N, C-alpha and C. Protein backbone atom coordinates (compact mmCIF):
# COMPACT_ATOMS: atom_id res chain seq x y z
N MET A 1 25.63 -14.58 -23.55
CA MET A 1 24.31 -14.00 -23.40
C MET A 1 24.24 -13.10 -22.17
N LYS A 2 24.91 -13.50 -21.09
CA LYS A 2 24.92 -12.72 -19.87
C LYS A 2 25.52 -11.34 -20.12
N ASN A 3 26.61 -11.28 -20.89
CA ASN A 3 27.24 -9.99 -21.20
C ASN A 3 26.32 -9.09 -22.00
N PHE A 4 25.51 -9.69 -22.89
CA PHE A 4 24.57 -8.91 -23.68
C PHE A 4 23.61 -8.16 -22.77
N TYR A 5 23.04 -8.86 -21.75
CA TYR A 5 22.11 -8.22 -20.83
C TYR A 5 22.80 -7.15 -19.99
N ARG A 6 24.01 -7.42 -19.55
CA ARG A 6 24.77 -6.45 -18.77
C ARG A 6 25.02 -5.19 -19.60
N LYS A 7 25.44 -5.37 -20.86
CA LYS A 7 25.71 -4.22 -21.74
C LYS A 7 24.42 -3.47 -22.06
N THR A 8 23.33 -4.20 -22.29
CA THR A 8 22.05 -3.57 -22.58
C THR A 8 21.60 -2.73 -21.40
N LYS A 9 21.71 -3.29 -20.19
CA LYS A 9 21.33 -2.57 -18.98
C LYS A 9 22.21 -1.33 -18.81
N GLN A 10 23.50 -1.49 -19.05
CA GLN A 10 24.44 -0.37 -18.92
C GLN A 10 24.09 0.73 -19.92
N LYS A 11 23.80 0.36 -21.18
CA LYS A 11 23.43 1.36 -22.20
C LYS A 11 22.13 2.06 -21.83
N TYR A 12 21.18 1.32 -21.25
CA TYR A 12 19.91 1.90 -20.83
C TYR A 12 20.16 3.03 -19.85
N PHE A 13 20.99 2.81 -18.85
CA PHE A 13 21.25 3.82 -17.84
C PHE A 13 22.18 4.93 -18.31
N GLU A 14 22.82 4.77 -19.48
CA GLU A 14 23.70 5.82 -20.00
C GLU A 14 22.92 6.96 -20.65
N LYS A 15 21.67 6.73 -21.05
CA LYS A 15 20.84 7.79 -21.62
C LYS A 15 20.54 8.80 -20.52
N PRO A 16 20.53 10.11 -20.85
CA PRO A 16 20.34 11.15 -19.82
C PRO A 16 19.08 10.95 -18.96
N GLU A 17 17.94 10.64 -19.59
CA GLU A 17 16.71 10.47 -18.81
C GLU A 17 16.79 9.25 -17.91
N ASN A 18 17.54 8.23 -18.33
CA ASN A 18 17.67 7.03 -17.53
C ASN A 18 18.70 7.20 -16.42
N LEU A 19 19.65 8.09 -16.62
CA LEU A 19 20.61 8.41 -15.56
C LEU A 19 19.88 9.04 -14.39
N LYS A 20 18.91 9.91 -14.68
CA LYS A 20 18.11 10.53 -13.62
C LYS A 20 17.32 9.47 -12.87
N GLU A 21 16.77 8.51 -13.60
CA GLU A 21 16.02 7.42 -12.99
C GLU A 21 16.94 6.61 -12.07
N LYS A 22 18.13 6.32 -12.54
CA LYS A 22 19.09 5.56 -11.75
C LYS A 22 19.49 6.35 -10.49
N GLU A 23 19.70 7.65 -10.64
CA GLU A 23 20.03 8.50 -9.49
C GLU A 23 18.91 8.46 -8.45
N LYS A 24 17.66 8.51 -8.91
CA LYS A 24 16.53 8.45 -7.98
C LYS A 24 16.50 7.11 -7.24
N LEU A 25 16.76 6.02 -7.97
CA LEU A 25 16.80 4.70 -7.33
C LEU A 25 17.89 4.64 -6.27
N LEU A 26 19.05 5.18 -6.59
CA LEU A 26 20.16 5.19 -5.64
C LEU A 26 19.82 6.04 -4.41
N LYS A 27 19.14 7.17 -4.62
CA LYS A 27 18.75 8.03 -3.50
C LYS A 27 17.71 7.34 -2.62
N MET A 28 16.78 6.62 -3.24
CA MET A 28 15.78 5.90 -2.45
C MET A 28 16.44 4.77 -1.65
N GLU A 29 17.39 4.08 -2.27
CA GLU A 29 18.10 3.01 -1.56
C GLU A 29 18.91 3.58 -0.40
N ASP A 30 19.55 4.71 -0.60
CA ASP A 30 20.30 5.36 0.47
C ASP A 30 19.36 5.77 1.61
N PHE A 31 18.22 6.35 1.27
CA PHE A 31 17.22 6.75 2.27
C PHE A 31 16.74 5.52 3.04
N TYR A 32 16.46 4.45 2.31
CA TYR A 32 16.02 3.19 2.93
C TYR A 32 17.07 2.70 3.92
N LYS A 33 18.32 2.65 3.51
CA LYS A 33 19.39 2.15 4.39
C LYS A 33 19.52 3.01 5.64
N ARG A 34 19.45 4.31 5.49
CA ARG A 34 19.61 5.21 6.64
C ARG A 34 18.43 5.13 7.60
N HIS A 35 17.21 5.00 7.07
CA HIS A 35 16.03 5.04 7.93
C HIS A 35 15.49 3.68 8.32
N PHE A 36 15.81 2.64 7.57
CA PHE A 36 15.28 1.32 7.88
C PHE A 36 16.37 0.40 8.45
N GLU A 37 17.47 0.27 7.73
CA GLU A 37 18.49 -0.69 8.13
C GLU A 37 19.37 -0.21 9.28
N SER A 38 19.70 1.07 9.32
CA SER A 38 20.62 1.54 10.35
C SER A 38 19.90 1.95 11.63
N SER A 39 18.60 2.09 11.57
CA SER A 39 17.84 2.47 12.76
C SER A 39 17.68 1.27 13.69
N GLU A 40 17.86 1.50 14.97
CA GLU A 40 17.70 0.41 15.94
C GLU A 40 16.30 0.36 16.52
N GLU A 41 15.46 1.31 16.15
CA GLU A 41 14.08 1.29 16.61
C GLU A 41 13.37 0.06 16.07
N LYS A 42 12.48 -0.54 16.88
CA LYS A 42 11.71 -1.69 16.40
C LYS A 42 10.77 -1.26 15.26
N VAL A 43 10.10 -0.12 15.48
CA VAL A 43 9.23 0.44 14.44
C VAL A 43 9.87 1.75 13.98
N LYS A 44 10.26 1.77 12.72
CA LYS A 44 10.87 2.97 12.15
C LYS A 44 9.77 3.99 11.86
N LYS A 45 10.00 5.23 12.23
CA LYS A 45 9.02 6.28 11.99
C LYS A 45 9.58 7.25 10.95
N ILE A 46 8.91 7.29 9.80
CA ILE A 46 9.33 8.17 8.71
C ILE A 46 8.33 9.33 8.67
N SER A 47 8.79 10.48 9.12
CA SER A 47 7.92 11.65 9.22
C SER A 47 7.84 12.40 7.90
N LEU A 48 6.88 13.32 7.83
CA LEU A 48 6.76 14.19 6.65
C LEU A 48 8.05 14.99 6.49
N GLU A 49 8.65 15.36 7.61
CA GLU A 49 9.92 16.09 7.58
C GLU A 49 11.03 15.23 6.95
N ASN A 50 11.10 13.95 7.33
CA ASN A 50 12.09 13.05 6.72
C ASN A 50 11.87 12.93 5.22
N LEU A 51 10.59 12.80 4.82
CA LEU A 51 10.25 12.61 3.41
C LEU A 51 10.56 13.84 2.56
N GLN A 52 10.65 15.00 3.19
CA GLN A 52 10.95 16.23 2.48
C GLN A 52 12.28 16.12 1.72
N GLU A 53 13.21 15.40 2.31
CA GLU A 53 14.52 15.16 1.68
C GLU A 53 14.35 14.52 0.30
N LEU A 54 13.47 13.52 0.22
CA LEU A 54 13.21 12.86 -1.07
C LEU A 54 12.44 13.78 -2.01
N LYS A 55 11.45 14.47 -1.47
CA LYS A 55 10.62 15.34 -2.31
C LYS A 55 11.45 16.44 -2.96
N GLU A 56 12.46 16.92 -2.25
CA GLU A 56 13.34 17.94 -2.84
C GLU A 56 14.15 17.39 -4.01
N GLU A 57 14.27 16.08 -4.10
CA GLU A 57 14.97 15.42 -5.20
C GLU A 57 14.00 14.96 -6.31
N GLY A 58 12.72 15.33 -6.17
CA GLY A 58 11.72 14.94 -7.17
C GLY A 58 11.17 13.54 -6.95
N ILE A 59 11.35 12.99 -5.75
CA ILE A 59 10.87 11.64 -5.43
C ILE A 59 9.67 11.79 -4.50
N THR A 60 8.51 11.33 -4.96
CA THR A 60 7.29 11.46 -4.16
C THR A 60 7.22 10.37 -3.10
N THR A 61 6.33 10.55 -2.15
CA THR A 61 6.07 9.51 -1.15
C THR A 61 5.62 8.24 -1.85
N GLU A 62 4.77 8.40 -2.87
CA GLU A 62 4.30 7.24 -3.64
C GLU A 62 5.47 6.52 -4.31
N ASN A 63 6.40 7.27 -4.92
CA ASN A 63 7.58 6.65 -5.55
C ASN A 63 8.34 5.81 -4.53
N PHE A 64 8.58 6.38 -3.35
CA PHE A 64 9.37 5.69 -2.33
C PHE A 64 8.65 4.44 -1.81
N LEU A 65 7.35 4.55 -1.54
CA LEU A 65 6.61 3.38 -1.05
C LEU A 65 6.54 2.28 -2.11
N ASP A 66 6.34 2.66 -3.38
CA ASP A 66 6.36 1.65 -4.46
C ASP A 66 7.74 0.99 -4.54
N TYR A 67 8.78 1.77 -4.36
CA TYR A 67 10.15 1.25 -4.36
C TYR A 67 10.31 0.19 -3.25
N LEU A 68 9.76 0.46 -2.06
CA LEU A 68 9.86 -0.51 -0.96
C LEU A 68 9.21 -1.84 -1.34
N CYS A 69 8.05 -1.76 -1.98
CA CYS A 69 7.33 -2.97 -2.39
C CYS A 69 8.11 -3.74 -3.45
N GLN A 70 8.60 -3.04 -4.45
CA GLN A 70 9.25 -3.68 -5.58
C GLN A 70 10.64 -4.21 -5.25
N ASN A 71 11.36 -3.54 -4.37
CA ASN A 71 12.76 -3.89 -4.14
C ASN A 71 13.04 -4.57 -2.81
N HIS A 72 12.09 -4.52 -1.88
CA HIS A 72 12.36 -5.10 -0.56
C HIS A 72 11.26 -6.05 -0.09
N LYS A 73 10.36 -6.44 -1.00
CA LYS A 73 9.29 -7.40 -0.72
C LYS A 73 8.45 -7.01 0.49
N LEU A 74 8.17 -5.73 0.59
CA LEU A 74 7.34 -5.21 1.67
C LEU A 74 5.96 -4.88 1.12
N LEU A 75 4.98 -4.85 2.00
CA LEU A 75 3.61 -4.47 1.64
C LEU A 75 3.18 -3.30 2.51
N LEU A 76 2.08 -2.67 2.12
CA LEU A 76 1.64 -1.42 2.74
C LEU A 76 0.20 -1.51 3.21
N HIS A 77 -0.07 -0.90 4.35
CA HIS A 77 -1.42 -0.85 4.90
C HIS A 77 -1.69 0.59 5.31
N GLY A 78 -2.62 1.26 4.64
CA GLY A 78 -2.92 2.65 4.94
C GLY A 78 -4.05 2.79 5.94
N SER A 79 -3.93 3.78 6.83
CA SER A 79 -4.98 4.03 7.82
C SER A 79 -4.97 5.50 8.21
N ILE A 80 -6.17 6.03 8.50
CA ILE A 80 -6.25 7.39 9.01
C ILE A 80 -5.88 7.43 10.49
N HIS A 81 -5.79 6.25 11.10
CA HIS A 81 -5.53 6.15 12.54
C HIS A 81 -4.06 5.89 12.83
N LYS A 82 -3.56 6.58 13.86
CA LYS A 82 -2.21 6.31 14.35
C LYS A 82 -2.32 5.13 15.30
N ILE A 83 -1.63 4.06 14.98
CA ILE A 83 -1.72 2.83 15.76
C ILE A 83 -0.60 2.81 16.79
N SER A 84 -0.97 2.60 18.04
CA SER A 84 0.06 2.49 19.08
C SER A 84 0.57 1.04 19.08
N GLY A 85 1.80 0.88 19.49
CA GLY A 85 2.39 -0.45 19.47
C GLY A 85 3.02 -0.74 18.12
N ASP A 86 3.07 -2.04 17.77
CA ASP A 86 3.74 -2.44 16.54
C ASP A 86 2.97 -3.50 15.76
N LYS A 87 1.63 -3.56 15.97
CA LYS A 87 0.84 -4.59 15.30
C LYS A 87 -0.44 -4.03 14.67
N LEU A 88 -0.72 -4.51 13.46
CA LEU A 88 -2.02 -4.30 12.84
C LEU A 88 -2.90 -5.40 13.40
N LYS A 89 -4.13 -5.08 13.80
CA LYS A 89 -5.02 -6.08 14.41
C LYS A 89 -6.35 -6.12 13.68
N SER A 90 -6.94 -7.32 13.65
CA SER A 90 -8.23 -7.50 12.99
C SER A 90 -9.08 -8.49 13.78
N SER A 91 -10.30 -8.09 14.12
CA SER A 91 -11.22 -9.00 14.81
C SER A 91 -11.76 -10.05 13.83
N LYS A 92 -11.67 -9.76 12.53
CA LYS A 92 -12.16 -10.69 11.50
C LYS A 92 -11.08 -11.68 11.06
N LYS A 93 -9.92 -11.61 11.69
CA LYS A 93 -8.79 -12.51 11.42
C LYS A 93 -8.30 -12.45 9.98
N LYS A 94 -8.36 -11.26 9.41
CA LYS A 94 -7.81 -11.02 8.07
C LYS A 94 -7.13 -9.66 8.08
N ILE A 95 -5.86 -9.63 7.68
CA ILE A 95 -5.13 -8.38 7.56
C ILE A 95 -4.94 -8.10 6.07
N PHE A 96 -5.30 -6.90 5.65
CA PHE A 96 -5.20 -6.52 4.24
C PHE A 96 -4.01 -5.59 4.04
N ALA A 97 -3.34 -5.75 2.92
CA ALA A 97 -2.21 -4.90 2.56
C ALA A 97 -2.19 -4.73 1.04
N SER A 98 -1.32 -3.85 0.58
CA SER A 98 -1.24 -3.54 -0.84
C SER A 98 0.21 -3.48 -1.29
N ASN A 99 0.43 -3.82 -2.55
CA ASN A 99 1.76 -3.63 -3.14
C ASN A 99 1.76 -2.39 -4.03
N LYS A 100 0.71 -1.60 -3.93
CA LYS A 100 0.56 -0.38 -4.72
C LYS A 100 0.43 0.80 -3.76
N ALA A 101 1.43 1.67 -3.77
CA ALA A 101 1.47 2.79 -2.83
C ALA A 101 0.25 3.69 -2.92
N ALA A 102 -0.25 3.93 -4.12
CA ALA A 102 -1.40 4.83 -4.29
C ALA A 102 -2.59 4.36 -3.47
N ILE A 103 -2.82 3.06 -3.40
CA ILE A 103 -3.94 2.50 -2.63
C ILE A 103 -3.72 2.74 -1.14
N ALA A 104 -2.51 2.45 -0.65
CA ALA A 104 -2.21 2.64 0.77
C ALA A 104 -2.31 4.12 1.15
N ILE A 105 -1.83 5.00 0.30
CA ILE A 105 -1.92 6.44 0.57
C ILE A 105 -3.38 6.87 0.60
N MET A 106 -4.18 6.39 -0.37
CA MET A 106 -5.60 6.72 -0.40
C MET A 106 -6.26 6.28 0.90
N LYS A 107 -5.98 5.06 1.35
CA LYS A 107 -6.60 4.55 2.58
C LYS A 107 -6.08 5.26 3.82
N SER A 108 -4.92 5.89 3.72
CA SER A 108 -4.40 6.64 4.86
C SER A 108 -5.07 8.01 4.99
N LEU A 109 -5.80 8.42 3.97
CA LEU A 109 -6.42 9.75 3.96
C LEU A 109 -7.95 9.72 3.92
N TYR A 110 -8.53 8.64 3.38
CA TYR A 110 -9.98 8.51 3.26
C TYR A 110 -10.46 7.29 4.04
N SER A 111 -11.43 7.49 4.92
CA SER A 111 -11.99 6.38 5.69
C SER A 111 -13.21 5.83 4.96
N GLY A 112 -13.29 4.52 4.87
CA GLY A 112 -14.45 3.87 4.27
C GLY A 112 -15.46 3.44 5.32
N GLY A 113 -15.30 3.93 6.55
CA GLY A 113 -16.16 3.52 7.66
C GLY A 113 -17.63 3.86 7.48
N ASN A 114 -17.95 5.05 7.02
CA ASN A 114 -19.35 5.49 6.91
C ASN A 114 -19.78 5.73 5.47
N VAL A 115 -18.90 5.42 4.53
CA VAL A 115 -19.18 5.65 3.11
C VAL A 115 -18.69 4.45 2.31
N ASN A 116 -19.06 4.43 1.04
CA ASN A 116 -18.58 3.39 0.15
C ASN A 116 -17.50 3.99 -0.75
N LEU A 117 -16.26 3.51 -0.59
CA LEU A 117 -15.16 3.95 -1.45
C LEU A 117 -15.04 2.93 -2.58
N GLU A 118 -15.14 3.40 -3.79
CA GLU A 118 -15.07 2.51 -4.96
C GLU A 118 -13.81 2.82 -5.76
N TYR A 119 -13.03 1.78 -6.03
CA TYR A 119 -11.80 1.91 -6.81
C TYR A 119 -11.46 0.53 -7.37
N PRO A 120 -10.73 0.48 -8.47
CA PRO A 120 -10.48 -0.80 -9.12
C PRO A 120 -9.43 -1.67 -8.40
N TYR A 121 -9.63 -2.98 -8.47
CA TYR A 121 -8.63 -3.93 -7.97
C TYR A 121 -7.47 -4.04 -8.95
N PHE A 122 -7.77 -3.85 -10.22
CA PHE A 122 -6.77 -3.98 -11.27
C PHE A 122 -6.57 -2.61 -11.91
N ILE A 123 -5.38 -2.05 -11.75
CA ILE A 123 -5.11 -0.70 -12.23
C ILE A 123 -4.16 -0.78 -13.42
N SER A 124 -4.53 -0.08 -14.50
CA SER A 124 -3.72 -0.09 -15.71
C SER A 124 -3.99 1.21 -16.47
N GLU A 125 -3.34 1.37 -17.60
CA GLU A 125 -3.60 2.56 -18.43
C GLU A 125 -5.05 2.58 -18.88
N LYS A 126 -5.59 1.40 -19.21
CA LYS A 126 -6.98 1.32 -19.66
C LYS A 126 -7.97 1.49 -18.51
N ARG A 127 -7.51 1.16 -17.32
CA ARG A 127 -8.37 1.29 -16.13
C ARG A 127 -7.58 2.00 -15.02
N PRO A 128 -7.46 3.32 -15.15
CA PRO A 128 -6.66 4.08 -14.18
C PRO A 128 -7.35 4.17 -12.81
N LEU A 129 -6.56 4.51 -11.82
CA LEU A 129 -7.09 4.67 -10.47
C LEU A 129 -7.91 5.95 -10.38
N VAL A 130 -9.18 5.78 -10.04
CA VAL A 130 -10.09 6.89 -9.75
C VAL A 130 -10.85 6.47 -8.50
N LEU A 131 -10.85 7.32 -7.49
CA LEU A 131 -11.60 7.04 -6.27
C LEU A 131 -12.99 7.64 -6.41
N LYS A 132 -14.02 6.79 -6.30
CA LYS A 132 -15.41 7.25 -6.33
C LYS A 132 -15.97 7.07 -4.93
N ILE A 133 -16.51 8.16 -4.39
CA ILE A 133 -17.04 8.13 -3.02
C ILE A 133 -18.56 8.21 -3.08
N HIS A 134 -19.22 7.20 -2.53
CA HIS A 134 -20.68 7.16 -2.46
C HIS A 134 -21.06 7.34 -1.00
N ILE A 135 -21.75 8.44 -0.71
CA ILE A 135 -22.14 8.74 0.67
C ILE A 135 -23.63 8.43 0.84
N PRO A 136 -23.96 7.42 1.65
CA PRO A 136 -25.37 7.13 1.88
C PRO A 136 -26.03 8.26 2.68
N PRO A 137 -27.38 8.30 2.69
CA PRO A 137 -28.08 9.39 3.40
C PRO A 137 -27.64 9.55 4.86
N ASP A 138 -27.34 8.44 5.52
CA ASP A 138 -26.94 8.51 6.93
C ASP A 138 -25.42 8.48 7.10
N GLY A 139 -24.68 8.59 6.00
CA GLY A 139 -23.23 8.50 6.06
C GLY A 139 -22.55 9.85 6.15
N LYS A 140 -21.27 9.81 6.50
CA LYS A 140 -20.48 11.03 6.61
C LYS A 140 -19.05 10.69 6.19
N LEU A 141 -18.53 11.46 5.25
CA LEU A 141 -17.16 11.24 4.78
C LEU A 141 -16.16 11.69 5.83
N ILE A 142 -15.22 10.81 6.15
CA ILE A 142 -14.13 11.16 7.05
C ILE A 142 -12.87 11.22 6.20
N LYS A 143 -12.32 12.42 6.07
CA LYS A 143 -11.14 12.68 5.25
C LYS A 143 -10.09 13.30 6.15
N ALA A 144 -8.92 12.68 6.21
CA ALA A 144 -7.82 13.19 7.03
C ALA A 144 -6.88 14.02 6.17
N SER A 145 -6.27 15.03 6.75
CA SER A 145 -5.27 15.81 6.01
C SER A 145 -3.89 15.15 6.13
N LYS A 146 -3.73 14.31 7.17
CA LYS A 146 -2.51 13.54 7.35
C LYS A 146 -2.91 12.12 7.73
N GLY A 147 -2.12 11.15 7.26
CA GLY A 147 -2.42 9.76 7.56
C GLY A 147 -1.17 8.96 7.77
N PHE A 148 -1.34 7.62 7.77
CA PHE A 148 -0.23 6.73 8.10
C PHE A 148 -0.25 5.50 7.19
N VAL A 149 0.91 5.17 6.67
CA VAL A 149 1.07 3.93 5.91
C VAL A 149 1.99 3.04 6.73
N TYR A 150 1.47 1.86 7.08
CA TYR A 150 2.22 0.89 7.88
C TYR A 150 2.89 -0.09 6.92
N VAL A 151 4.17 -0.33 7.15
CA VAL A 151 4.98 -1.17 6.26
C VAL A 151 5.14 -2.53 6.92
N VAL A 152 4.73 -3.59 6.20
CA VAL A 152 4.80 -4.96 6.73
C VAL A 152 5.60 -5.85 5.79
N ASP A 153 6.13 -6.91 6.37
CA ASP A 153 6.83 -7.93 5.58
C ASP A 153 5.78 -8.69 4.77
N GLY A 154 6.04 -8.93 3.50
CA GLY A 154 5.08 -9.60 2.63
C GLY A 154 4.94 -11.09 2.86
N ALA A 155 5.81 -11.69 3.68
CA ALA A 155 5.77 -13.14 3.93
C ALA A 155 4.43 -13.53 4.55
N GLY A 156 3.82 -14.57 3.98
CA GLY A 156 2.57 -15.09 4.52
C GLY A 156 1.32 -14.45 3.94
N PHE A 157 1.47 -13.38 3.17
CA PHE A 157 0.32 -12.75 2.52
C PHE A 157 0.07 -13.42 1.17
N LYS A 158 -1.20 -13.54 0.81
CA LYS A 158 -1.58 -14.10 -0.50
C LYS A 158 -2.24 -13.01 -1.32
N ASN A 159 -1.89 -12.98 -2.60
CA ASN A 159 -2.46 -12.02 -3.54
C ASN A 159 -3.88 -12.46 -3.88
N SER A 160 -4.88 -11.63 -3.51
CA SER A 160 -6.27 -11.99 -3.73
C SER A 160 -7.11 -10.73 -3.96
N PRO A 161 -7.78 -10.60 -5.10
CA PRO A 161 -7.75 -11.49 -6.26
C PRO A 161 -6.38 -11.48 -6.95
N LYS A 162 -6.03 -12.62 -7.49
CA LYS A 162 -4.72 -12.81 -8.11
C LYS A 162 -4.47 -11.76 -9.20
N GLY A 163 -3.29 -11.15 -9.15
CA GLY A 163 -2.93 -10.13 -10.13
C GLY A 163 -3.34 -8.72 -9.73
N SER A 164 -4.07 -8.60 -8.62
CA SER A 164 -4.51 -7.27 -8.16
C SER A 164 -3.46 -6.68 -7.23
N TRP A 165 -3.76 -5.51 -6.68
CA TRP A 165 -2.88 -4.85 -5.72
C TRP A 165 -3.10 -5.38 -4.30
N GLN A 166 -4.18 -6.14 -4.08
CA GLN A 166 -4.56 -6.54 -2.73
C GLN A 166 -3.88 -7.84 -2.29
N PHE A 167 -3.41 -7.83 -1.03
CA PHE A 167 -2.83 -9.01 -0.42
C PHE A 167 -3.51 -9.23 0.93
N VAL A 168 -3.75 -10.50 1.29
CA VAL A 168 -4.47 -10.83 2.51
C VAL A 168 -3.68 -11.87 3.30
N LYS A 169 -3.68 -11.70 4.61
CA LYS A 169 -3.07 -12.69 5.50
C LYS A 169 -4.11 -13.05 6.55
N LYS A 170 -4.37 -14.36 6.69
CA LYS A 170 -5.32 -14.81 7.70
C LYS A 170 -4.59 -14.82 9.04
N ALA A 171 -4.86 -13.79 9.82
CA ALA A 171 -4.23 -13.65 11.13
C ALA A 171 -4.98 -12.59 11.93
N GLU A 172 -4.92 -12.69 13.25
CA GLU A 172 -5.53 -11.67 14.10
C GLU A 172 -4.67 -10.42 14.16
N GLU A 173 -3.33 -10.61 13.98
CA GLU A 173 -2.44 -9.47 14.03
C GLU A 173 -1.19 -9.73 13.19
N VAL A 174 -0.61 -8.64 12.73
CA VAL A 174 0.62 -8.68 11.94
C VAL A 174 1.50 -7.53 12.42
N GLU A 175 2.77 -7.84 12.66
CA GLU A 175 3.71 -6.79 13.06
C GLU A 175 4.03 -5.88 11.89
N PHE A 176 4.13 -4.60 12.17
CA PHE A 176 4.64 -3.68 11.15
C PHE A 176 5.99 -3.19 11.62
N ASN A 177 6.88 -2.94 10.65
CA ASN A 177 8.24 -2.53 11.01
C ASN A 177 8.52 -1.06 10.75
N ALA A 178 7.55 -0.37 10.14
CA ALA A 178 7.72 1.06 9.89
C ALA A 178 6.35 1.70 9.72
N VAL A 179 6.32 3.00 10.01
CA VAL A 179 5.13 3.79 9.74
C VAL A 179 5.60 5.05 9.01
N VAL A 180 4.96 5.32 7.88
CA VAL A 180 5.31 6.45 7.03
C VAL A 180 4.15 7.43 7.05
N GLU A 181 4.43 8.67 7.43
CA GLU A 181 3.39 9.69 7.45
C GLU A 181 3.04 10.11 6.02
N THR A 182 1.76 10.40 5.81
CA THR A 182 1.31 10.90 4.51
C THR A 182 0.56 12.21 4.72
N GLU A 183 0.41 12.94 3.63
CA GLU A 183 -0.37 14.17 3.67
C GLU A 183 -1.23 14.26 2.42
N ASP A 184 -2.18 15.17 2.48
CA ASP A 184 -3.17 15.36 1.43
C ASP A 184 -2.62 15.28 0.00
N ASN A 185 -1.57 16.03 -0.27
CA ASN A 185 -1.08 16.10 -1.66
C ASN A 185 -0.28 14.87 -2.09
N ASP A 186 -0.14 13.87 -1.22
CA ASP A 186 0.51 12.62 -1.63
C ASP A 186 -0.41 11.77 -2.51
N PHE A 187 -1.73 11.99 -2.44
CA PHE A 187 -2.67 11.25 -3.28
C PHE A 187 -3.00 12.10 -4.50
N GLN A 188 -2.44 11.73 -5.65
CA GLN A 188 -2.53 12.55 -6.86
C GLN A 188 -3.47 11.96 -7.91
N TYR A 189 -4.59 11.41 -7.47
CA TYR A 189 -5.53 10.77 -8.39
C TYR A 189 -6.89 11.43 -8.28
N PRO A 190 -7.72 11.29 -9.33
CA PRO A 190 -9.05 11.91 -9.30
C PRO A 190 -9.93 11.33 -8.20
N VAL A 191 -10.74 12.20 -7.60
CA VAL A 191 -11.72 11.79 -6.60
C VAL A 191 -13.08 12.31 -7.07
N ASP A 192 -14.01 11.38 -7.27
CA ASP A 192 -15.37 11.75 -7.72
C ASP A 192 -16.38 11.44 -6.63
N PHE A 193 -17.42 12.28 -6.56
CA PHE A 193 -18.50 12.06 -5.59
C PHE A 193 -19.78 11.70 -6.32
């Protein structure tokens, strides 16, 4: 039975369209090893310039961040703010993260501080990601052209609500091991007002 799965997997990657997919996975793993594993920095900094290498190969920032979540058990926290140091902090003793790159990228570009950002917890073909922005009379939308996605170890986070993209850790602070720069065109989903 084991050989059947090995042969099936091998045949899957032998198709031309699947060979491209495999090449992209190998390129993302190579990028990960060079920028995450071989770097001696405590916090790895992945700039827009670094990401250009992947983009030239047809790999988006979203593809790479999703790859980190799926293959390295990492989670993502998006913010419009550049955080000094190496910790995400919360006065409410809850740190939020996502296993879905699109959410982290969205949060790295749109602030929910003065407006209500509405988007689904459960994303699927039947319920695609659409960001709806509700601006109250006294509110003001803060939209950044560049943002930051902080990469954290998923250990200790709980999926809540279960099956959603959201993960929560009850803590005042959580160390992040990388920060990935984002830009406007990294968020490729509809935005409604």
